[in-house]
PDB file of N, CA and C in Angstrom:
ATOM      1  N   UNK A   1      89.816 107.888 120.576  1.00  0.00           N
ATOM      2  CA  UNK A   1      89.534 106.590 121.159  1.00  0.00           C
ATOM      3  C   UNK A   1      90.784 105.743 121.105  1.00  0.00           C
ATOM      4  N   UNK A   2      91.128 105.186 122.208  1.00  0.00           N
ATOM      5  CA  UNK A   2      92.259 104.271 122.282  1.00  0.00           C
ATOM      6  C   UNK A   2      91.802 102.919 121.723  1.00  0.00           C
ATOM      7  N   UNK A   3      92.459 102.399 120.688  1.00  0.00           N
ATOM      8  CA  UNK A   3      92.034 101.132 120.103  1.00  0.00           C
ATOM      9  C   UNK A   3      91.982  99.973 121.097  1.00  0.00           C
ATOM     10  N   UNK A   4      92.738 100.057 122.182  1.00  0.00           N
ATOM     11  CA  UNK A   4      92.698  98.975 123.180  1.00  0.00           C
ATOM     12  C   UNK A   4      91.356  98.925 123.900  1.00  0.00           C
ATOM     13  N   UNK A   5      90.533  99.963 123.750  1.00  0.00           N
ATOM     14  CA  UNK A   5      89.194  99.975 124.340  1.00  0.00           C
ATOM     15  C   UNK A   5      88.381  98.786 123.853  1.00  0.00           C
ATOM     16  N   UNK A   6      88.598  98.371 122.620  1.00  0.00           N
ATOM     17  CA  UNK A   6      87.846  97.253 122.052  1.00  0.00           C
ATOM     18  C   UNK A   6      88.102  95.953 122.805  1.00  0.00           C
ATOM     19  N   UNK A   7      89.236  95.851 123.467  1.00  0.00           N
ATOM     20  CA  UNK A   7      89.592  94.621 124.183  1.00  0.00           C
ATOM     21  C   UNK A   7      88.651  94.298 125.337  1.00  0.00           C
ATOM     22  N   UNK A   8      87.896  95.295 125.827  1.00  0.00           N
ATOM     23  CA  UNK A   8      87.000  95.054 126.957  1.00  0.00           C
ATOM     24  C   UNK A   8      85.760  94.251 126.567  1.00  0.00           C
ATOM     25  N   UNK A   9      85.500  94.106 125.265  1.00  0.00           N
ATOM     26  CA  UNK A   9      84.306  93.414 124.800  1.00  0.00           C
ATOM     27  C   UNK A   9      84.635  91.971 124.423  1.00  0.00           C
ATOM     28  N   UNK A  10      83.743  91.053 124.777  1.00  0.00           N
ATOM     29  CA  UNK A  10      83.970  89.619 124.574  1.00  0.00           C
ATOM     30  C   UNK A  10      83.251  89.110 123.332  1.00  0.00           C
ATOM     31  N   UNK A  11      84.010  88.493 122.447  1.00  0.00           N
ATOM     32  CA  UNK A  11      83.416  87.890 121.251  1.00  0.00           C
ATOM     33  C   UNK A  11      82.437  86.795 121.667  1.00  0.00           C
ATOM     34  N   UNK A  12      81.278  86.761 121.028  1.00  0.00           N
ATOM     35  CA  UNK A  12      80.290  85.722 121.295  1.00  0.00           C
ATOM     36  C   UNK A  12      79.332  86.030 122.428  1.00  0.00           C
ATOM     37  N   UNK A  13      79.647  87.034 123.264  1.00  0.00           N
ATOM     38  CA  UNK A  13      78.736  87.334 124.367  1.00  0.00           C
ATOM     39  C   UNK A  13      78.332  88.803 124.465  1.00  0.00           C
ATOM     40  N   UNK A  14      79.227  89.715 124.105  1.00  0.00           N
ATOM     41  CA  UNK A  14      78.879  91.132 124.154  1.00  0.00           C
ATOM     42  C   UNK A  14      77.878  91.448 123.044  1.00  0.00           C
ATOM     43  N   UNK A  15      76.848  92.233 123.372  1.00  0.00           N
ATOM     44  CA  UNK A  15      75.835  92.589 122.383  1.00  0.00           C
ATOM     45  C   UNK A  15      76.081  93.989 121.825  1.00  0.00           C
ATOM     46  N   UNK A  16      75.412  94.255 120.726  1.00  0.00           N
ATOM     47  CA  UNK A  16      75.467  95.585 120.108  1.00  0.00           C
ATOM     48  C   UNK A  16      75.039  96.641 121.125  1.00  0.00           C
ATOM     49  N   UNK A  17      73.965  96.390 121.842  1.00  0.00           N
ATOM     50  CA  UNK A  17      73.451  97.346 122.831  1.00  0.00           C
ATOM     51  C   UNK A  17      74.472  97.637 123.924  1.00  0.00           C
ATOM     52  N   UNK A  18      75.231  96.633 124.332  1.00  0.00           N
ATOM     53  CA  UNK A  18      76.255  96.833 125.366  1.00  0.00           C
ATOM     54  C   UNK A  18      77.397  97.709 124.847  1.00  0.00           C
ATOM     55  N   UNK A  19      77.777  97.520 123.600  1.00  0.00           N
ATOM     56  CA  UNK A  19      78.829  98.358 123.009  1.00  0.00           C
ATOM     57  C   UNK A  19      78.351  99.805 122.935  1.00  0.00           C
ATOM     58  N   UNK A  20      77.110 100.011 122.475  1.00  0.00           N
ATOM     59  CA  UNK A  20      76.562 101.367 122.364  1.00  0.00           C
ATOM     60  C   UNK A  20      76.436 102.006 123.756  1.00  0.00           C
ATOM     61  N   UNK A  21      76.035 101.230 124.755  1.00  0.00           N
ATOM     62  CA  UNK A  21      75.925 101.771 126.113  1.00  0.00           C
ATOM     63  C   UNK A  21      77.283 102.216 126.637  1.00  0.00           C
ATOM     64  N   UNK A  22      78.342 101.493 126.271  1.00  0.00           N
ATOM     65  CA  UNK A  22      79.683 101.819 126.760  1.00  0.00           C
ATOM     66  C   UNK A  22      80.349 102.943 125.963  1.00  0.00           C
ATOM     67  N   UNK A  23      80.128 102.993 124.650  1.00  0.00           N
ATOM     68  CA  UNK A  23      80.859 103.920 123.786  1.00  0.00           C
ATOM     69  C   UNK A  23      80.009 105.027 123.173  1.00  0.00           C
ATOM     70  N   UNK A  24      78.698 104.932 123.294  1.00  0.00           N
ATOM     71  CA  UNK A  24      77.815 105.896 122.648  1.00  0.00           C
ATOM     72  C   UNK A  24      77.451 105.423 121.257  1.00  0.00           C
ATOM     73  N   UNK A  25      76.679 106.249 120.567  1.00  0.00           N
ATOM     74  CA  UNK A  25      76.249 105.889 119.208  1.00  0.00           C
ATOM     75  C   UNK A  25      77.454 105.816 118.276  1.00  0.00           C
ATOM     76  N   UNK A  26      77.506 104.793 117.412  1.00  0.00           N
ATOM     77  CA  UNK A  26      78.609 104.677 116.453  1.00  0.00           C
ATOM     78  C   UNK A  26      78.570 105.781 115.396  1.00  0.00           C
ATOM     79  N   UNK A  27      79.707 106.018 114.783  1.00  0.00           N
ATOM     80  CA  UNK A  27      79.791 106.970 113.688  1.00  0.00           C
ATOM     81  C   UNK A  27      78.996 106.463 112.488  1.00  0.00           C
ATOM     82  N   UNK A  28      79.108 105.167 112.217  1.00  0.00           N
ATOM     83  CA  UNK A  28      78.423 104.537 111.084  1.00  0.00           C
ATOM     84  C   UNK A  28      77.933 103.161 111.489  1.00  0.00           C
ATOM     85  N   UNK A  29      76.727 102.803 111.059  1.00  0.00           N
ATOM     86  CA  UNK A  29      76.192 101.452 111.257  1.00  0.00           C
ATOM     87  C   UNK A  29      75.736 100.936 109.899  1.00  0.00           C
ATOM     88  N   UNK A  30      76.164  99.725 109.554  1.00  0.00           N
ATOM     89  CA  UNK A  30      75.765  99.091 108.302  1.00  0.00           C
ATOM     90  C   UNK A  30      75.143  97.748 108.641  1.00  0.00           C
ATOM     91  N   UNK A  31      73.966  97.464 108.063  1.00  0.00           N
ATOM     92  CA  UNK A  31      73.309  96.181 108.274  1.00  0.00           C
ATOM     93  C   UNK A  31      73.210  95.465 106.929  1.00  0.00           C
ATOM     94  N   UNK A  32      73.717  94.230 106.886  1.00  0.00           N
ATOM     95  CA  UNK A  32      73.712  93.435 105.658  1.00  0.00           C
ATOM     96  C   UNK A  32      72.370  92.718 105.512  1.00  0.00           C
ATOM     97  N   UNK A  33      72.109  92.177 104.335  1.00  0.00           N
ATOM     98  CA  UNK A  33      70.847  91.488 104.072  1.00  0.00           C
ATOM     99  C   UNK A  33      70.673  90.240 104.934  1.00  0.00           C
ATOM    100  N   UNK A  34      71.776  89.658 105.427  1.00  0.00           N
ATOM    101  CA  UNK A  34      71.681  88.477 106.289  1.00  0.00           C
ATOM    102  C   UNK A  34      71.516  88.845 107.766  1.00  0.00           C
ATOM    103  N   UNK A  35      71.381  90.152 108.058  1.00  0.00           N
ATOM    104  CA  UNK A  35      71.159  90.585 109.436  1.00  0.00           C
ATOM    105  C   UNK A  35      72.421  90.928 110.203  1.00  0.00           C
ATOM    106  N   UNK A  36      73.584  90.623 109.631  1.00  0.00           N
ATOM    107  CA  UNK A  36      74.833  90.977 110.301  1.00  0.00           C
ATOM    108  C   UNK A  36      75.004  92.484 110.280  1.00  0.00           C
ATOM    109  N   UNK A  37      75.581  93.008 111.353  1.00  0.00           N
ATOM    110  CA  UNK A  37      75.708  94.451 111.519  1.00  0.00           C
ATOM    111  C   UNK A  37      77.166  94.822 111.736  1.00  0.00           C
ATOM    112  N   UNK A  38      77.566  95.957 111.173  1.00  0.00           N
ATOM    113  CA  UNK A  38      78.898  96.507 111.389  1.00  0.00           C
ATOM    114  C   UNK A  38      78.728  97.892 111.986  1.00  0.00           C
ATOM    115  N   UNK A  39      79.405  98.140 113.103  1.00  0.00           N
ATOM    116  CA  UNK A  39      79.358  99.448 113.766  1.00  0.00           C
ATOM    117  C   UNK A  39      80.776 100.002 113.798  1.00  0.00           C
ATOM    118  N   UNK A  40      80.942 101.207 113.272  1.00  0.00           N
ATOM    119  CA  UNK A  40      82.260 101.831 113.211  1.00  0.00           C
ATOM    120  C   UNK A  40      82.293 103.077 114.082  1.00  0.00           C
ATOM    121  N   UNK A  41      83.367 103.205 114.841  1.00  0.00           N
ATOM    122  CA  UNK A  41      83.630 104.390 115.657  1.00  0.00           C
ATOM    123  C   UNK A  41      84.896 105.034 115.115  1.00  0.00           C
ATOM    124  N   UNK A  42      84.777 106.250 114.613  1.00  0.00           N
ATOM    125  CA  UNK A  42      85.914 106.956 114.022  1.00  0.00           C
ATOM    126  C   UNK A  42      86.158 108.259 114.768  1.00  0.00           C
ATOM    127  N   UNK A  43      87.431 108.558 114.984  1.00  0.00           N
ATOM    128  CA  UNK A  43      87.818 109.782 115.685  1.00  0.00           C
ATOM    129  C   UNK A  43      88.989 110.423 114.962  1.00  0.00           C
ATOM    130  N   UNK A  44      89.025 111.746 114.962  1.00  0.00           N
ATOM    131  CA  UNK A  44      90.121 112.469 114.321  1.00  0.00           C
ATOM    132  C   UNK A  44      90.477 113.692 115.161  1.00  0.00           C
ATOM    133  N   UNK A  45      91.776 113.990 115.202  1.00  0.00           N
ATOM    134  CA  UNK A  45      92.263 115.180 115.898  1.00  0.00           C
ATOM    135  C   UNK A  45      93.239 115.884 114.966  1.00  0.00           C
ATOM    136  N   UNK A  46      92.968 117.150 114.695  1.00  0.00           N
ATOM    137  CA  UNK A  46      93.831 117.953 113.838  1.00  0.00           C
ATOM    138  C   UNK A  46      94.562 118.979 114.680  1.00  0.00           C
ATOM    139  N   UNK A  47      95.875 119.076 114.495  1.00  0.00           N
ATOM    140  CA  UNK A  47      96.694 120.047 115.198  1.00  0.00           C
ATOM    141  C   UNK A  47      97.413 120.904 114.163  1.00  0.00           C
ATOM    142  N   UNK A  48      97.141 122.195 114.209  1.00  0.00           N
ATOM    143  CA  UNK A  48      97.808 123.123 113.296  1.00  0.00           C
ATOM    144  C   UNK A  48      99.224 123.355 113.804  1.00  0.00           C
ATOM    145  N   UNK A  49     100.180 123.270 112.904  1.00  0.00           N
ATOM    146  CA  UNK A  49     101.577 123.493 113.292  1.00  0.00           C
ATOM    147  C   UNK A  49     101.786 124.963 113.652  1.00  0.00           C
ATOM    148  N   UNK A  50     102.552 125.230 114.714  1.00  0.00           N
ATOM    149  CA  UNK A  50     102.773 126.615 115.154  1.00  0.00           C
ATOM    150  C   UNK A  50     103.358 127.505 114.062  1.00  0.00           C
ATOM    151  N   UNK A  51     104.157 126.943 113.177  1.00  0.00           N
ATOM    152  CA  UNK A  51     104.767 127.728 112.112  1.00  0.00           C
ATOM    153  C   UNK A  51     103.719 128.398 111.224  1.00  0.00           C
ATOM    154  N   UNK A  52     102.518 127.834 111.198  1.00  0.00           N
ATOM    155  CA  UNK A  52     101.447 128.366 110.359  1.00  0.00           C
ATOM    156  C   UNK A  52     101.069 129.793 110.740  1.00  0.00           C
ATOM    157  N   UNK A  53     101.329 130.158 111.975  1.00  0.00           N
ATOM    158  CA  UNK A  53     100.915 131.465 112.482  1.00  0.00           C
ATOM    159  C   UNK A  53     101.994 132.545 112.371  1.00  0.00           C
ATOM    160  N   UNK A  54     103.144 132.192 111.835  1.00  0.00           N
ATOM    161  CA  UNK A  54     104.220 133.171 111.658  1.00  0.00           C
ATOM    162  C   UNK A  54     103.920 133.967 110.382  1.00  0.00           C
ATOM    163  N   UNK A  55     103.802 135.276 110.500  1.00  0.00           N
ATOM    164  CA  UNK A  55     103.503 136.081 109.309  1.00  0.00           C
ATOM    165  C   UNK A  55     104.515 135.828 108.183  1.00  0.00           C
ATOM    166  N   UNK A  56     104.035 135.730 106.996  1.00  0.00           N
ATOM    167  CA  UNK A  56     104.796 135.514 105.762  1.00  0.00           C
ATOM    168  C   UNK A  56     105.435 134.131 105.715  1.00  0.00           C
ATOM    169  N   UNK A  57     106.138 133.731 106.752  1.00  0.00           N
ATOM    170  CA  UNK A  57     106.827 132.441 106.770  1.00  0.00           C
ATOM    171  C   UNK A  57     105.825 131.286 106.802  1.00  0.00           C
ATOM    172  N   UNK A  58     104.741 131.465 107.550  1.00  0.00           N
ATOM    173  CA  UNK A  58     103.742 130.410 107.698  1.00  0.00           C
ATOM    174  C   UNK A  58     103.191 129.897 106.382  1.00  0.00           C
ATOM    175  N   UNK A  59     103.090 130.773 105.408  1.00  0.00           N
ATOM    176  CA  UNK A  59     102.569 130.363 104.101  1.00  0.00           C
ATOM    177  C   UNK A  59     103.481 129.365 103.405  1.00  0.00           C
ATOM    178  N   UNK A  60     104.743 129.327 103.796  1.00  0.00           N
ATOM    179  CA  UNK A  60     105.703 128.427 103.160  1.00  0.00           C
ATOM    180  C   UNK A  60     106.011 127.179 103.974  1.00  0.00           C
ATOM    181  N   UNK A  61     105.935 127.259 105.300  1.00  0.00           N
ATOM    182  CA  UNK A  61     106.353 126.120 106.123  1.00  0.00           C
ATOM    183  C   UNK A  61     105.271 125.635 107.074  1.00  0.00           C
ATOM    184  N   UNK A  62     104.098 126.248 107.067  1.00  0.00           N
ATOM    185  CA  UNK A  62     103.026 125.834 107.976  1.00  0.00           C
ATOM    186  C   UNK A  62     102.350 124.557 107.517  1.00  0.00           C
ATOM    187  N   UNK A  63     101.346 124.179 108.259  1.00  0.00           N
ATOM    188  CA  UNK A  63     100.593 122.982 107.906  1.00  0.00           C
ATOM    189  C   UNK A  63      99.854 122.450 109.112  1.00  0.00           C
ATOM    190  N   UNK A  64      99.408 121.223 109.013  1.00  0.00           N
ATOM    191  CA  UNK A  64      98.670 120.590 110.103  1.00  0.00           C
ATOM    192  C   UNK A  64      98.984 119.105 110.143  1.00  0.00           C
ATOM    193  N   UNK A  65      98.818 118.528 111.320  1.00  0.00           N
ATOM    194  CA  UNK A  65      98.986 117.096 111.513  1.00  0.00           C
ATOM    195  C   UNK A  65      97.641 116.523 111.958  1.00  0.00           C
ATOM    196  N   UNK A  66      97.297 115.363 111.412  1.00  0.00           N
ATOM    197  CA  UNK A  66      96.017 114.730 111.726  1.00  0.00           C
ATOM    198  C   UNK A  66      96.281 113.330 112.256  1.00  0.00           C
ATOM    199  N   UNK A  67      95.682 113.039 113.413  1.00  0.00           N
ATOM    200  CA  UNK A  67      95.744 111.699 113.990  1.00  0.00           C
ATOM    201  C   UNK A  67      94.326 111.148 113.992  1.00  0.00           C
ATOM    202  N   UNK A  68      94.167 109.954 113.457  1.00  0.00           N
ATOM    203  CA  UNK A  68      92.854 109.328 113.438  1.00  0.00           C
ATOM    204  C   UNK A  68      92.928 107.936 114.040  1.00  0.00           C
ATOM    205  N   UNK A  69      91.816 107.507 114.588  1.00  0.00           N
ATOM    206  CA  UNK A  69      91.710 106.134 115.061  1.00  0.00           C
ATOM    207  C   UNK A  69      90.304 105.643 114.770  1.00  0.00           C
ATOM    208  N   UNK A  70      90.178 104.352 114.581  1.00  0.00           N
ATOM    209  CA  UNK A  70      88.878 103.761 114.299  1.00  0.00           C
ATOM    210  C   UNK A  70      88.809 102.372 114.898  1.00  0.00           C
ATOM    211  N   UNK A  71      87.625 102.023 115.354  1.00  0.00           N
ATOM    212  CA  UNK A  71      87.348 100.665 115.803  1.00  0.00           C
ATOM    213  C   UNK A  71      86.096 100.218 115.074  1.00  0.00           C
ATOM    214  N   UNK A  72      86.152  99.040 114.478  1.00  0.00           N
ATOM    215  CA  UNK A  72      85.022  98.496 113.741  1.00  0.00           C
ATOM    216  C   UNK A  72      84.611  97.182 114.398  1.00  0.00           C
ATOM    217  N   UNK A  73      83.343  97.120 114.804  1.00  0.00           N
ATOM    218  CA  UNK A  73      82.777  95.930 115.436  1.00  0.00           C
ATOM    219  C   UNK A  73      81.845  95.241 114.450  1.00  0.00           C
ATOM    220  N   UNK A  74      81.903  93.899 114.395  1.00  0.00           N
ATOM    221  CA  UNK A  74      80.980  93.130 113.563  1.00  0.00           C
ATOM    222  C   UNK A  74      80.117  92.259 114.466  1.00  0.00           C
ATOM    223  N   UNK A  75      78.809  92.258 114.191  1.00  0.00           N
ATOM    224  CA  UNK A  75      77.849  91.517 114.992  1.00  0.00           C
ATOM    225  C   UNK A  75      77.091  90.534 114.106  1.00  0.00           C
ATOM    226  N   UNK A  76      76.696  89.386 114.686  1.00  0.00           N
ATOM    227  CA  UNK A  76      75.905  88.413 113.942  1.00  0.00           C
ATOM    228  C   UNK A  76      74.439  88.849 113.913  1.00  0.00           C
ATOM    229  N   UNK A  77      73.567  88.028 113.327  1.00  0.00           N
ATOM    230  CA  UNK A  77      72.153  88.352 113.214  1.00  0.00           C
ATOM    231  C   UNK A  77      71.438  88.480 114.541  1.00  0.00           C
ATOM    232  N   UNK A  78      72.023  87.915 115.612  1.00  0.00           N
ATOM    233  CA  UNK A  78      71.439  88.004 116.957  1.00  0.00           C
ATOM    234  C   UNK A  78      72.065  89.150 117.757  1.00  0.00           C
ATOM    235  N   UNK A  79      72.809  90.013 117.088  1.00  0.00           N
ATOM    236  CA  UNK A  79      73.484  91.171 117.692  1.00  0.00           C
ATOM    237  C   UNK A  79      74.576  90.814 118.696  1.00  0.00           C
ATOM    238  N   UNK A  80      75.178  89.627 118.547  1.00  0.00           N
ATOM    239  CA  UNK A  80      76.321  89.233 119.377  1.00  0.00           C
ATOM    240  C   UNK A  80      77.609  89.572 118.623  1.00  0.00           C
ATOM    241  N   UNK A  81      78.617  90.024 119.350  1.00  0.00           N
ATOM    242  CA  UNK A  81      79.889  90.421 118.750  1.00  0.00           C
ATOM    243  C   UNK A  81      80.594  89.228 118.108  1.00  0.00           C
ATOM    244  N   UNK A  82      80.927  89.375 116.819  1.00  0.00           N
ATOM    245  CA  UNK A  82      81.691  88.344 116.106  1.00  0.00           C
ATOM    246  C   UNK A  82      83.179  88.637 116.247  1.00  0.00           C
ATOM    247  N   UNK A  83      83.568  89.862 115.885  1.00  0.00           N
ATOM    248  CA  UNK A  83      84.963  90.271 115.999  1.00  0.00           C
ATOM    249  C   UNK A  83      85.056  91.782 115.866  1.00  0.00           C
ATOM    250  N   UNK A  84      86.274  92.295 115.973  1.00  0.00           N
ATOM    251  CA  UNK A  84      86.498  93.730 115.822  1.00  0.00           C
ATOM    252  C   UNK A  84      87.880  93.954 115.233  1.00  0.00           C
ATOM    253  N   UNK A  85      88.061  95.139 114.667  1.00  0.00           N
ATOM    254  CA  UNK A  85      89.371  95.526 114.155  1.00  0.00           C
ATOM    255  C   UNK A  85      89.618  96.985 114.534  1.00  0.00           C
ATOM    256  N   UNK A  86      90.889  97.345 114.604  1.00  0.00           N
ATOM    257  CA  UNK A  86      91.253  98.713 114.976  1.00  0.00           C
ATOM    258  C   UNK A  86      92.257  99.267 113.973  1.00  0.00           C
ATOM    259  N   UNK A  87      92.290 100.573 113.861  1.00  0.00           N
ATOM    260  CA  UNK A  87      93.303 101.216 113.027  1.00  0.00           C
ATOM    261  C   UNK A  87      93.671 102.564 113.620  1.00  0.00           C
ATOM    262  N   UNK A  88      94.917 102.966 113.391  1.00  0.00           N
ATOM    263  CA  UNK A  88      95.430 104.255 113.844  1.00  0.00           C
ATOM    264  C   UNK A  88      96.259 104.813 112.693  1.00  0.00           C
ATOM    265  N   UNK A  89      96.120 106.111 112.419  1.00  0.00           N
ATOM    266  CA  UNK A  89      96.946 106.719 111.384  1.00  0.00           C
ATOM    267  C   UNK A  89      97.375 108.116 111.808  1.00  0.00           C
ATOM    268  N   UNK A  90      98.517 108.524 111.289  1.00  0.00           N
ATOM    269  CA  UNK A  90      99.066 109.854 111.514  1.00  0.00           C
ATOM    270  C   UNK A  90      99.479 110.406 110.156  1.00  0.00           C
ATOM    271  N   UNK A  91      98.900 111.538 109.778  1.00  0.00           N
ATOM    272  CA  UNK A  91      99.248 112.152 108.508  1.00  0.00           C
ATOM    273  C   UNK A  91      99.513 113.636 108.711  1.00  0.00           C
ATOM    274  N   UNK A  92     100.220 114.200 107.792  1.00  0.00           N
ATOM    275  CA  UNK A  92     100.501 115.626 107.852  1.00  0.00           C
ATOM    276  C   UNK A  92     100.300 116.260 106.495  1.00  0.00           C
ATOM    277  N   UNK A  93      99.932 117.516 106.520  1.00  0.00           N
ATOM    278  CA  UNK A  93      99.774 118.276 105.283  1.00  0.00           C
ATOM    279  C   UNK A  93     100.468 119.613 105.457  1.00  0.00           C
ATOM    280  N   UNK A  94     101.324 119.957 104.518  1.00  0.00           N
ATOM    281  CA  UNK A  94     102.060 121.197 104.614  1.00  0.00           C
ATOM    282  C   UNK A  94     101.664 122.171 103.519  1.00  0.00           C
ATOM    283  N   UNK A  95     102.001 123.407 103.750  1.00  0.00           N
ATOM    284  CA  UNK A  95     101.798 124.448 102.757  1.00  0.00           C
ATOM    285  C   UNK A  95     103.126 124.699 102.062  1.00  0.00           C
ATOM    286  N   UNK A  96     103.080 125.139 100.865  1.00  0.00           N
ATOM    287  CA  UNK A  96     104.272 125.612 100.171  1.00  0.00           C
ATOM    288  C   UNK A  96     105.414 124.630 100.156  1.00  0.00           C
ATOM    289  N   UNK A  97     106.501 124.969 100.861  1.00  0.00           N
ATOM    290  CA  UNK A  97     107.741 124.197 100.807  1.00  0.00           C
ATOM    291  C   UNK A  97     107.765 123.011 101.754  1.00  0.00           C
ATOM    292  N   UNK A  98     107.018 123.063 102.836  1.00  0.00           N
ATOM    293  CA  UNK A  98     107.081 122.032 103.868  1.00  0.00           C
ATOM    294  C   UNK A  98     105.936 121.042 103.713  1.00  0.00           C
ATOM    295  N   UNK A  99     106.255 119.734 103.707  1.00  0.00           N
ATOM    296  CA  UNK A  99     105.216 118.701 103.548  1.00  0.00           C
ATOM    297  C   UNK A  99     105.366 117.574 104.549  1.00  0.00           C
ATOM    298  N   UNK A 100     106.036 117.756 105.634  1.00  0.00           N
ATOM    299  CA  UNK A 100     106.294 116.728 106.651  1.00  0.00           C
ATOM    300  C   UNK A 100     105.458 115.492 106.501  1.00  0.00           C
TER     301      UNK A 100
END
């Protein structure tokens, strides 16, 4: 999910139902005791490094890269959008000698 997707929704007028209709069911929904709701959309993509598939060498220099993105929407008790936040991260994990 491109974090700029959140920009299409208007604070104070977009409803929870409109966000779900546009993006599908959220990954996580949390409802507070005051009726406020938080809906989170999380995505991850893992790419195995090509070096991982080289016999013998892969065990020392292989690994994977992970890209994640998340958008978190907050709604008031009437299910109107209060605000949203976005995050993007890139991490890598290596085997043996390589830890990019």
